[in-house]
Amino acid sequence: MKNQSISNLKSTLAIPLALITVLVPFSLFISWNMASMVVFWFVVIPLVSHLIPRKVFKSTNPMKESIIGLTIFYTLMSFMIYEHSDFLQLMLISFVVNLLALFFIQLDKKVNREVVG
């Protein structure tokens, strides 16, 4: 049980680290405009937060880890861009949308397992 807890913790903490690792080159090489912001905040973030626990750590409960990891990442980001209200608003909207996206991904996988199984 202790090994499972450590694995869950590693998976949860890997999400914000992976997102920050993707964020830095994304912002340095592509720079920020409306299209790149939408792609990063609404496409890259949910994909990374979904794939890290499931594919890298082979987690048994990836939804919980993804939500906690996303919350940690968005908390760190809100402290970093607090004074830029336009970016903060887009980020908070993307947080809600990404949580809904993760919920629907999990729901789809659950329905597919029930239909196939």
C-alpha atoms as a PDB file:
ATOM      1  CA  MET A   1       0.000   0.000   0.000  1.00  0.00           C
ATOM      2  CA  LYS A   2       2.894   2.347   0.776  1.00  0.00           C
ATOM      3  CA  ASN A   3       4.401   1.774  -2.684  1.00  0.00           C
ATOM      4  CA  GLN A   4       1.048   2.619  -4.276  1.00  0.00           C
ATOM      5  CA  SER A   5       0.868   5.895  -2.308  1.00  0.00           C
ATOM      6  CA  ILE A   6       4.378   6.859  -3.351  1.00  0.00           C
ATOM      7  CA  SER A   7       3.578   6.044  -6.967  1.00  0.00           C
ATOM      8  CA  ASN A   8       0.409   8.164  -6.800  1.00  0.00           C
ATOM      9  CA  LEU A   9       2.367  11.049  -5.298  1.00  0.00           C
ATOM     10  CA  LYS A  10       5.031  10.813  -8.001  1.00  0.00           C
ATOM     11  CA  SER A  11       2.384  10.759 -10.702  1.00  0.00           C
ATOM     12  CA  THR A  12       0.558  13.733  -9.183  1.00  0.00           C
ATOM     13  CA  LEU A  13       3.700  15.840  -8.852  1.00  0.00           C
ATOM     14  CA  ALA A  14       4.914  14.867 -12.319  1.00  0.00           C
ATOM     15  CA  ILE A  15       1.943  16.630 -13.921  1.00  0.00           C
ATOM     16  CA  PRO A  16       2.838  20.202 -12.868  1.00  0.00           C
ATOM     17  CA  LEU A  17       6.517  19.523 -13.556  1.00  0.00           C
ATOM     18  CA  ALA A  18       5.734  18.222 -17.041  1.00  0.00           C
ATOM     19  CA  LEU A  19       3.436  21.164 -17.742  1.00  0.00           C
ATOM     20  CA  ILE A  20       6.089  23.652 -16.644  1.00  0.00           C
ATOM     21  CA  THR A  21       8.633  21.782 -18.767  1.00  0.00           C
ATOM     22  CA  VAL A  22       6.334  22.158 -21.768  1.00  0.00           C
ATOM     23  CA  LEU A  23       5.432  25.761 -20.905  1.00  0.00           C
ATOM     24  CA  VAL A  24       8.979  27.132 -20.929  1.00  0.00           C
ATOM     25  CA  PRO A  25       9.996  26.104 -24.467  1.00  0.00           C
ATOM     26  CA  PHE A  26       6.494  26.840 -25.719  1.00  0.00           C
ATOM     27  CA  SER A  27       6.693  30.427 -24.491  1.00  0.00           C
ATOM     28  CA  LEU A  28      10.316  30.952 -25.556  1.00  0.00           C
ATOM     29  CA  PHE A  29      10.144  29.539 -29.075  1.00  0.00           C
ATOM     30  CA  ILE A  30       6.566  30.162 -30.136  1.00  0.00           C
ATOM     31  CA  SER A  31       5.801  33.275 -28.043  1.00  0.00           C
ATOM     32  CA  TRP A  32       2.320  34.186 -26.933  1.00  0.00           C
ATOM     33  CA  ASN A  33      -0.461  35.287 -29.203  1.00  0.00           C
ATOM     34  CA  MET A  34      -4.136  34.391 -29.051  1.00  0.00           C
ATOM     35  CA  ALA A  35      -3.780  31.228 -31.152  1.00  0.00           C
ATOM     36  CA  SER A  36      -0.805  29.884 -29.213  1.00  0.00           C
ATOM     37  CA  MET A  37      -2.513  30.655 -25.895  1.00  0.00           C
ATOM     38  CA  VAL A  38      -5.644  28.762 -26.901  1.00  0.00           C
ATOM     39  CA  VAL A  39      -3.600  25.800 -28.149  1.00  0.00           C
ATOM     40  CA  PHE A  40      -1.501  25.661 -24.987  1.00  0.00           C
ATOM     41  CA  TRP A  41      -4.203  26.275 -22.384  1.00  0.00           C
ATOM     42  CA  PHE A  42      -6.993  24.261 -24.027  1.00  0.00           C
ATOM     43  CA  VAL A  43      -5.190  21.475 -25.929  1.00  0.00           C
ATOM     44  CA  VAL A  44      -1.690  20.854 -24.579  1.00  0.00           C
ATOM     45  CA  ILE A  45      -2.549  21.056 -20.880  1.00  0.00           C
ATOM     46  CA  PRO A  46      -5.429  18.545 -20.873  1.00  0.00           C
ATOM     47  CA  LEU A  47      -3.462  16.136 -23.070  1.00  0.00           C
ATOM     48  CA  VAL A  48      -0.372  16.223 -20.874  1.00  0.00           C
ATOM     49  CA  SER A  49      -2.351  16.021 -17.643  1.00  0.00           C
ATOM     50  CA  HIS A  50      -4.289  13.047 -18.968  1.00  0.00           C
ATOM     51  CA  LEU A  51      -1.365  11.151 -20.482  1.00  0.00           C
ATOM     52  CA  ILE A  52       1.255  11.503 -17.709  1.00  0.00           C
ATOM     53  CA  PRO A  53      -0.502   9.381 -15.056  1.00  0.00           C
ATOM     54  CA  ARG A  54      -2.034   6.942 -17.533  1.00  0.00           C
ATOM     55  CA  LYS A  55       0.868   6.260 -19.898  1.00  0.00           C
ATOM     56  CA  VAL A  56       4.009   7.087 -17.926  1.00  0.00           C
ATOM     57  CA  PHE A  57       3.060   5.877 -14.447  1.00  0.00           C
ATOM     58  CA  LYS A  58       0.387   3.306 -15.435  1.00  0.00           C
ATOM     59  CA  SER A  59      -1.834   4.695 -12.690  1.00  0.00           C
ATOM     60  CA  THR A  60      -4.925   2.897 -11.479  1.00  0.00           C
ATOM     61  CA  ASN A  61      -6.722   6.162 -10.650  1.00  0.00           C
ATOM     62  CA  PRO A  62      -5.506   8.743 -13.196  1.00  0.00           C
ATOM     63  CA  MET A  63      -8.512  11.049 -12.797  1.00  0.00           C
ATOM     64  CA  LYS A  64      -7.727  11.907  -9.186  1.00  0.00           C
ATOM     65  CA  GLU A  65      -4.046  12.454  -9.926  1.00  0.00           C
ATOM     66  CA  SER A  66      -4.798  14.580 -12.984  1.00  0.00           C
ATOM     67  CA  ILE A  67      -7.164  16.848 -11.074  1.00  0.00           C
ATOM     68  CA  ILE A  68      -4.739  17.336  -8.184  1.00  0.00           C
ATOM     69  CA  GLY A  69      -1.814  17.895 -10.560  1.00  0.00           C
ATOM     70  CA  LEU A  70      -3.800  20.419 -12.595  1.00  0.00           C
ATOM     71  CA  THR A  71      -4.834  22.252  -9.446  1.00  0.00           C
ATOM     72  CA  ILE A  72      -1.213  22.505  -8.319  1.00  0.00           C
ATOM     73  CA  PHE A  73      -0.140  23.783 -11.755  1.00  0.00           C
ATOM     74  CA  TYR A  74      -2.911  26.363 -11.984  1.00  0.00           C
ATOM     75  CA  THR A  75      -2.222  27.551  -8.434  1.00  0.00           C
ATOM     76  CA  LEU A  76       1.430  28.134  -9.293  1.00  0.00           C
ATOM     77  CA  MET A  77       0.494  29.876 -12.532  1.00  0.00           C
ATOM     78  CA  SER A  78      -2.062  32.133 -10.864  1.00  0.00           C
ATOM     79  CA  PHE A  79       0.657  33.440  -8.532  1.00  0.00           C
ATOM     80  CA  MET A  80       2.955  34.014 -11.489  1.00  0.00           C
ATOM     81  CA  ILE A  81       0.525  35.973 -13.684  1.00  0.00           C
ATOM     82  CA  TYR A  82      -1.746  37.505 -11.080  1.00  0.00           C
ATOM     83  CA  GLU A  83      -1.197  41.090 -12.263  1.00  0.00           C
ATOM     84  CA  HIS A  84      -1.940  40.299 -15.914  1.00  0.00           C
ATOM     85  CA  SER A  85      -5.707  40.146 -15.603  1.00  0.00           C
ATOM     86  CA  ASP A  86      -6.387  39.132 -19.233  1.00  0.00           C
ATOM     87  CA  PHE A  87      -4.094  36.122 -18.964  1.00  0.00           C
ATOM     88  CA  LEU A  88      -5.494  35.270 -15.543  1.00  0.00           C
ATOM     89  CA  GLN A  89      -9.061  35.250 -16.859  1.00  0.00           C
ATOM     90  CA  LEU A  90      -8.130  33.008 -19.784  1.00  0.00           C
ATOM     91  CA  MET A  91      -6.223  30.713 -17.448  1.00  0.00           C
ATOM     92  CA  LEU A  92      -9.123  30.396 -15.004  1.00  0.00           C
ATOM     93  CA  ILE A  93     -11.544  29.658 -17.845  1.00  0.00           C
ATOM     94  CA  SER A  94      -9.152  27.019 -19.164  1.00  0.00           C
ATOM     95  CA  PHE A  95      -8.927  25.461 -15.696  1.00  0.00           C
ATOM     96  CA  VAL A  96     -12.683  24.901 -15.607  1.00  0.00           C
ATOM     97  CA  VAL A  97     -12.764  23.695 -19.222  1.00  0.00           C
ATOM     98  CA  ASN A  98      -9.834  21.317 -18.617  1.00  0.00           C
ATOM     99  CA  LEU A  99     -11.466  19.838 -15.534  1.00  0.00           C
ATOM    100  CA  LEU A 100     -14.613  19.232 -17.589  1.00  0.00           C
ATOM    101  CA  ALA A 101     -12.526  17.745 -20.408  1.00  0.00           C
ATOM    102  CA  LEU A 102     -10.832  15.332 -18.000  1.00  0.00           C
ATOM    103  CA  PHE A 103     -14.207  14.391 -16.549  1.00  0.00           C
ATOM    104  CA  PHE A 104     -15.630  13.627 -20.003  1.00  0.00           C
ATOM    105  CA  ILE A 105     -12.515  11.681 -21.019  1.00  0.00           C
ATOM    106  CA  GLN A 106     -12.861   9.551 -17.890  1.00  0.00           C
ATOM    107  CA  LEU A 107     -16.599   9.131 -18.463  1.00  0.00           C
ATOM    108  CA  ASP A 108     -15.994   8.061 -22.062  1.00  0.00           C
ATOM    109  CA  LYS A 109     -13.400   5.490 -21.008  1.00  0.00           C
ATOM    110  CA  LYS A 110     -15.746   4.138 -18.325  1.00  0.00           C
ATOM    111  CA  VAL A 111     -18.645   3.828 -20.792  1.00  0.00           C
ATOM    112  CA  ASN A 112     -16.379   2.146 -23.361  1.00  0.00           C
ATOM    113  CA  ARG A 113     -15.167  -0.357 -20.749  1.00  0.00           C
ATOM    114  CA  GLU A 114     -18.754  -1.222 -19.817  1.00  0.00           C
ATOM    115  CA  VAL A 115     -19.851  -1.625 -23.433  1.00  0.00           C
ATOM    116  CA  VAL A 116     -16.824  -3.712 -24.451  1.00  0.00           C
ATOM    117  CA  GLY A 117     -16.525  -5.673 -21.193  1.00  0.00           C
END
